[in-house]
Amino acid sequence: MKIFYGDKAEAFEADIKEALVAVEPSGHFTEELTATIQVVWKH
């Protein structure tokens, strides 16, 4: 994150953590993703 926020990266990270814990106190988040795999071969 330092590439985007420089010296303010640690403050940004702390703000994000605080906001996330306010939403979900356990600190555990899950996201369901769908993946597609295509397999191709040549005879």
N, C-alpha and C. Protein backbone atom coordinates (compact mmCIF):
# COMPACT_ATOMS: atom_id res chain seq x y z
N MET A 1 0.81 -1.20 0.00
CA MET A 1 0.00 0.00 0.00
C MET A 1 0.86 1.27 0.00
N LYS A 2 2.11 1.12 0.38
CA LYS A 2 2.96 2.31 0.45
C LYS A 2 3.12 2.98 -0.90
N ILE A 3 3.00 2.20 -1.97
CA ILE A 3 3.13 2.79 -3.30
C ILE A 3 2.02 3.82 -3.54
N PHE A 4 0.85 3.61 -2.93
CA PHE A 4 -0.27 4.53 -3.11
C PHE A 4 -0.37 5.57 -2.00
N TYR A 5 -0.06 5.17 -0.76
CA TYR A 5 -0.30 6.04 0.39
C TYR A 5 0.96 6.59 1.05
N GLY A 6 2.12 6.13 0.61
CA GLY A 6 3.37 6.66 1.15
C GLY A 6 3.45 6.57 2.66
N ASP A 7 3.77 7.68 3.29
CA ASP A 7 3.92 7.72 4.75
C ASP A 7 2.60 7.55 5.49
N LYS A 8 1.48 7.66 4.79
CA LYS A 8 0.17 7.54 5.43
C LYS A 8 -0.38 6.12 5.34
N ALA A 9 0.41 5.17 4.85
CA ALA A 9 -0.05 3.79 4.67
C ALA A 9 -0.48 3.15 5.99
N GLU A 10 0.30 3.34 7.05
CA GLU A 10 -0.05 2.74 8.34
C GLU A 10 -1.35 3.31 8.89
N ALA A 11 -1.57 4.60 8.73
CA ALA A 11 -2.82 5.22 9.20
C ALA A 11 -4.00 4.70 8.38
N PHE A 12 -3.81 4.55 7.08
CA PHE A 12 -4.86 4.02 6.22
C PHE A 12 -5.21 2.59 6.64
N GLU A 13 -4.19 1.77 6.86
CA GLU A 13 -4.43 0.39 7.28
C GLU A 13 -5.20 0.33 8.60
N ALA A 14 -4.84 1.18 9.54
CA ALA A 14 -5.53 1.23 10.83
C ALA A 14 -6.98 1.64 10.65
N ASP A 15 -7.24 2.61 9.78
CA ASP A 15 -8.62 3.04 9.52
C ASP A 15 -9.45 1.93 8.90
N ILE A 16 -8.86 1.20 7.96
CA ILE A 16 -9.57 0.10 7.31
C ILE A 16 -9.89 -1.01 8.31
N LYS A 17 -8.90 -1.37 9.13
CA LYS A 17 -9.11 -2.40 10.15
C LYS A 17 -10.22 -2.00 11.10
N GLU A 18 -10.23 -0.75 11.53
CA GLU A 18 -11.26 -0.25 12.44
C GLU A 18 -12.64 -0.35 11.80
N ALA A 19 -12.75 0.05 10.55
CA ALA A 19 -14.03 0.00 9.84
C ALA A 19 -14.51 -1.44 9.67
N LEU A 20 -13.60 -2.35 9.34
CA LEU A 20 -13.99 -3.76 9.15
C LEU A 20 -14.42 -4.41 10.46
N VAL A 21 -13.72 -4.13 11.54
CA VAL A 21 -14.09 -4.69 12.84
C VAL A 21 -15.44 -4.13 13.30
N ALA A 22 -15.75 -2.92 12.91
CA ALA A 22 -17.06 -2.34 13.25
C ALA A 22 -18.18 -3.10 12.55
N VAL A 23 -17.91 -3.61 11.36
CA VAL A 23 -18.90 -4.36 10.59
C VAL A 23 -18.98 -5.81 11.07
N GLU A 24 -17.82 -6.41 11.33
CA GLU A 24 -17.75 -7.82 11.75
C GLU A 24 -16.71 -7.95 12.86
N PRO A 25 -17.16 -7.91 14.12
CA PRO A 25 -16.24 -7.91 15.26
C PRO A 25 -15.29 -9.11 15.30
N SER A 26 -15.69 -10.23 14.73
CA SER A 26 -14.80 -11.40 14.77
C SER A 26 -13.58 -11.20 13.87
N GLY A 27 -13.70 -10.29 12.90
CA GLY A 27 -12.59 -10.05 11.99
C GLY A 27 -12.49 -11.07 10.88
N HIS A 28 -13.48 -11.97 10.80
CA HIS A 28 -13.48 -13.01 9.76
C HIS A 28 -14.45 -12.62 8.66
N PHE A 29 -13.95 -12.62 7.43
CA PHE A 29 -14.76 -12.28 6.26
C PHE A 29 -14.60 -13.40 5.24
N THR A 30 -15.68 -13.73 4.57
CA THR A 30 -15.61 -14.73 3.51
C THR A 30 -16.25 -14.16 2.26
N GLU A 31 -15.79 -14.66 1.14
CA GLU A 31 -16.35 -14.25 -0.14
C GLU A 31 -16.41 -15.48 -1.02
N GLU A 32 -17.56 -15.72 -1.61
CA GLU A 32 -17.73 -16.86 -2.50
C GLU A 32 -17.39 -16.44 -3.92
N LEU A 33 -16.50 -17.19 -4.55
CA LEU A 33 -16.07 -16.88 -5.90
C LEU A 33 -16.45 -18.02 -6.85
N THR A 34 -16.75 -17.68 -8.07
CA THR A 34 -17.01 -18.66 -9.10
C THR A 34 -15.83 -18.68 -10.05
N ALA A 35 -15.33 -19.88 -10.34
CA ALA A 35 -14.19 -20.00 -11.24
C ALA A 35 -14.57 -20.91 -12.41
N THR A 36 -14.06 -20.60 -13.57
CA THR A 36 -14.26 -21.41 -14.76
C THR A 36 -12.90 -21.83 -15.29
N ILE A 37 -12.77 -23.12 -15.57
CA ILE A 37 -11.52 -23.63 -16.11
C ILE A 37 -11.82 -24.24 -17.48
N GLN A 38 -11.07 -23.83 -18.46
CA GLN A 38 -11.22 -24.38 -19.80
C GLN A 38 -9.94 -25.14 -20.14
N VAL A 39 -10.12 -26.37 -20.59
CA VAL A 39 -8.98 -27.20 -20.97
C VAL A 39 -9.10 -27.47 -22.47
N VAL A 40 -8.02 -27.22 -23.18
CA VAL A 40 -8.00 -27.40 -24.62
C VAL A 40 -6.79 -28.25 -24.98
N TRP A 41 -6.96 -29.17 -25.88
CA TRP A 41 -5.84 -29.96 -26.35
C TRP A 41 -5.94 -30.14 -27.85
N LYS A 42 -4.81 -30.39 -28.46
CA LYS A 42 -4.73 -30.54 -29.91
C LYS A 42 -4.37 -31.98 -30.25
N HIS A 43 -5.07 -32.55 -31.20
CA HIS A 43 -4.78 -33.92 -31.64
C HIS A 43 -3.67 -33.94 -32.64
